[in-house]
């Protein structure tokens, strides 16, 4: 243990005991799925509205969705939330979604 951080070991043990470092596969799968569903719905709404001022509301929804996808796209690959044979695909989809937003 490092002498410069004497409380780190006990803090780490407490965090692990509380389960805060466990992977939450279901949460991330649900968030990604929900974001992609809302993204698809927003684009469909955008197309059906045509050239009206109501498209500004859809644009606001798209801004929120892109921000959420960027957060998830940043979080998933960096923390290796997914493991196994499908992990590279999941991470690349998340990174692609984050790249779309900006």
C-alpha atoms as a PDB file:
ATOM      1  CA  UNK A   1       0.000   0.000   0.000  1.00  0.00           C
ATOM      2  CA  UNK A   2       1.189   3.510  -0.794  1.00  0.00           C
ATOM      3  CA  UNK A   3       2.167   5.597   2.252  1.00  0.00           C
ATOM      4  CA  UNK A   4       0.915   8.763   0.535  1.00  0.00           C
ATOM      5  CA  UNK A   5      -2.653   7.454   0.460  1.00  0.00           C
ATOM      6  CA  UNK A   6      -3.165   5.668   3.779  1.00  0.00           C
ATOM      7  CA  UNK A   7      -6.981   5.538   3.597  1.00  0.00           C
ATOM      8  CA  UNK A   8      -7.192   4.332   0.010  1.00  0.00           C
ATOM      9  CA  UNK A   9      -7.125   0.612   0.796  1.00  0.00           C
ATOM     10  CA  UNK A  10      -9.986   0.828   3.251  1.00  0.00           C
ATOM     11  CA  UNK A  11     -11.952   3.104   0.907  1.00  0.00           C
ATOM     12  CA  UNK A  12     -11.432   0.694  -1.992  1.00  0.00           C
ATOM     13  CA  UNK A  13     -12.582  -2.224   0.142  1.00  0.00           C
ATOM     14  CA  UNK A  14     -15.700  -0.292   1.153  1.00  0.00           C
ATOM     15  CA  UNK A  15     -16.489   0.653  -2.459  1.00  0.00           C
ATOM     16  CA  UNK A  16     -16.047  -2.949  -3.630  1.00  0.00           C
ATOM     17  CA  UNK A  17     -18.168  -4.241  -0.749  1.00  0.00           C
ATOM     18  CA  UNK A  18     -20.946  -1.823  -1.724  1.00  0.00           C
ATOM     19  CA  UNK A  19     -20.812  -3.217  -5.283  1.00  0.00           C
ATOM     20  CA  UNK A  20     -20.009   0.112  -6.915  1.00  0.00           C
ATOM     21  CA  UNK A  21     -17.351  -1.376  -9.195  1.00  0.00           C
ATOM     22  CA  UNK A  22     -19.514  -4.187 -10.591  1.00  0.00           C
ATOM     23  CA  UNK A  23     -20.357  -4.115 -14.274  1.00  0.00           C
ATOM     24  CA  UNK A  24     -23.937  -3.163 -15.001  1.00  0.00           C
ATOM     25  CA  UNK A  25     -24.598  -4.804 -18.336  1.00  0.00           C
ATOM     26  CA  UNK A  26     -28.367  -4.422 -18.201  1.00  0.00           C
ATOM     27  CA  UNK A  27     -28.203  -0.724 -17.407  1.00  0.00           C
ATOM     28  CA  UNK A  28     -25.925   0.109 -20.318  1.00  0.00           C
ATOM     29  CA  UNK A  29     -27.841  -2.126 -22.738  1.00  0.00           C
ATOM     30  CA  UNK A  30     -31.092  -0.429 -21.704  1.00  0.00           C
ATOM     31  CA  UNK A  31     -29.643   3.090 -21.967  1.00  0.00           C
ATOM     32  CA  UNK A  32     -28.123   2.447 -25.389  1.00  0.00           C
ATOM     33  CA  UNK A  33     -31.323   0.821 -26.657  1.00  0.00           C
ATOM     34  CA  UNK A  34     -33.525   3.619 -25.310  1.00  0.00           C
ATOM     35  CA  UNK A  35     -31.287   6.269 -26.841  1.00  0.00           C
ATOM     36  CA  UNK A  36     -31.304   4.563 -30.227  1.00  0.00           C
ATOM     37  CA  UNK A  37     -35.103   4.189 -30.140  1.00  0.00           C
ATOM     38  CA  UNK A  38     -35.567   7.875 -29.280  1.00  0.00           C
ATOM     39  CA  UNK A  39     -33.004   8.824 -31.932  1.00  0.00           C
ATOM     40  CA  UNK A  40     -34.885   6.849 -34.576  1.00  0.00           C
ATOM     41  CA  UNK A  41     -38.221   8.285 -33.489  1.00  0.00           C
ATOM     42  CA  UNK A  42     -36.857  11.819 -33.555  1.00  0.00           C
ATOM     43  CA  UNK A  43     -35.585  11.419 -37.106  1.00  0.00           C
ATOM     44  CA  UNK A  44     -38.911   9.966 -38.210  1.00  0.00           C
ATOM     45  CA  UNK A  45     -40.717  12.873 -36.555  1.00  0.00           C
ATOM     46  CA  UNK A  46     -38.297  15.285 -38.164  1.00  0.00           C
ATOM     47  CA  UNK A  47     -39.083  13.845 -41.599  1.00  0.00           C
ATOM     48  CA  UNK A  48     -42.856  13.824 -41.086  1.00  0.00           C
ATOM     49  CA  UNK A  49     -43.041  17.385 -39.769  1.00  0.00           C
ATOM     50  CA  UNK A  50     -41.600  18.816 -42.928  1.00  0.00           C
ATOM     51  CA  UNK A  51     -40.509  22.429 -43.154  1.00  0.00           C
ATOM     52  CA  UNK A  52     -42.111  23.870 -40.001  1.00  0.00           C
ATOM     53  CA  UNK A  53     -41.025  25.617 -36.832  1.00  0.00           C
ATOM     54  CA  UNK A  54     -41.974  22.490 -34.890  1.00  0.00           C
ATOM     55  CA  UNK A  55     -38.739  20.945 -36.113  1.00  0.00           C
ATOM     56  CA  UNK A  56     -36.993  23.038 -33.457  1.00  0.00           C
ATOM     57  CA  UNK A  57     -38.548  20.804 -30.796  1.00  0.00           C
ATOM     58  CA  UNK A  58     -37.221  17.746 -32.582  1.00  0.00           C
ATOM     59  CA  UNK A  59     -33.822  19.425 -32.813  1.00  0.00           C
ATOM     60  CA  UNK A  60     -33.849  19.928 -29.035  1.00  0.00           C
ATOM     61  CA  UNK A  61     -34.682  16.242 -28.549  1.00  0.00           C
ATOM     62  CA  UNK A  62     -31.869  15.296 -30.917  1.00  0.00           C
ATOM     63  CA  UNK A  63     -29.444  17.487 -28.964  1.00  0.00           C
ATOM     64  CA  UNK A  64     -30.299  15.663 -25.746  1.00  0.00           C
ATOM     65  CA  UNK A  65     -30.080  12.243 -27.409  1.00  0.00           C
ATOM     66  CA  UNK A  66     -26.714  13.015 -28.988  1.00  0.00           C
ATOM     67  CA  UNK A  67     -25.392  14.237 -25.640  1.00  0.00           C
ATOM     68  CA  UNK A  68     -26.582  11.048 -23.928  1.00  0.00           C
ATOM     69  CA  UNK A  69     -25.031   8.890 -26.630  1.00  0.00           C
ATOM     70  CA  UNK A  70     -21.782  10.804 -26.227  1.00  0.00           C
ATOM     71  CA  UNK A  71     -21.812  10.190 -22.456  1.00  0.00           C
ATOM     72  CA  UNK A  72     -22.453   6.483 -22.922  1.00  0.00           C
ATOM     73  CA  UNK A  73     -19.982   6.282 -25.804  1.00  0.00           C
ATOM     74  CA  UNK A  74     -17.345   7.842 -23.601  1.00  0.00           C
ATOM     75  CA  UNK A  75     -18.136   5.684 -20.579  1.00  0.00           C
ATOM     76  CA  UNK A  76     -18.515   2.227 -22.136  1.00  0.00           C
ATOM     77  CA  UNK A  77     -15.175   1.781 -23.938  1.00  0.00           C
ATOM     78  CA  UNK A  78     -13.118   3.516 -21.270  1.00  0.00           C
ATOM     79  CA  UNK A  79     -14.380   1.357 -18.444  1.00  0.00           C
ATOM     80  CA  UNK A  80     -14.734  -1.910 -20.376  1.00  0.00           C
ATOM     81  CA  UNK A  81     -18.339  -2.349 -19.324  1.00  0.00           C
ATOM     82  CA  UNK A  82     -18.792  -5.185 -21.771  1.00  0.00           C
ATOM     83  CA  UNK A  83     -16.584  -8.226 -22.099  1.00  0.00           C
ATOM     84  CA  UNK A  84     -16.742 -11.372 -24.174  1.00  0.00           C
ATOM     85  CA  UNK A  85     -16.891 -12.106 -27.883  1.00  0.00           C
ATOM     86  CA  UNK A  86     -19.344  -9.296 -28.693  1.00  0.00           C
ATOM     87  CA  UNK A  87     -17.494  -6.637 -26.710  1.00  0.00           C
ATOM     88  CA  UNK A  88     -15.529  -5.083 -29.582  1.00  0.00           C
ATOM     89  CA  UNK A  89     -18.739  -4.652 -31.589  1.00  0.00           C
ATOM     90  CA  UNK A  90     -20.567  -3.082 -28.652  1.00  0.00           C
ATOM     91  CA  UNK A  91     -17.685  -0.713 -27.973  1.00  0.00           C
ATOM     92  CA  UNK A  92     -17.348   0.270 -31.614  1.00  0.00           C
ATOM     93  CA  UNK A  93     -21.090   0.996 -31.875  1.00  0.00           C
ATOM     94  CA  UNK A  94     -20.858   3.142 -28.756  1.00  0.00           C
ATOM     95  CA  UNK A  95     -17.845   5.015 -30.099  1.00  0.00           C
ATOM     96  CA  UNK A  96     -19.559   5.545 -33.439  1.00  0.00           C
ATOM     97  CA  UNK A  97     -22.630   6.922 -31.698  1.00  0.00           C
ATOM     98  CA  UNK A  98     -20.436   9.284 -29.689  1.00  0.00           C
ATOM     99  CA  UNK A  99     -18.674  10.407 -32.864  1.00  0.00           C
ATOM    100  CA  UNK A 100     -21.995  11.274 -34.495  1.00  0.00           C
ATOM    101  CA  UNK A 101     -22.714  13.726 -31.736  1.00  0.00           C
ATOM    102  CA  UNK A 102     -19.759  15.798 -32.258  1.00  0.00           C
END
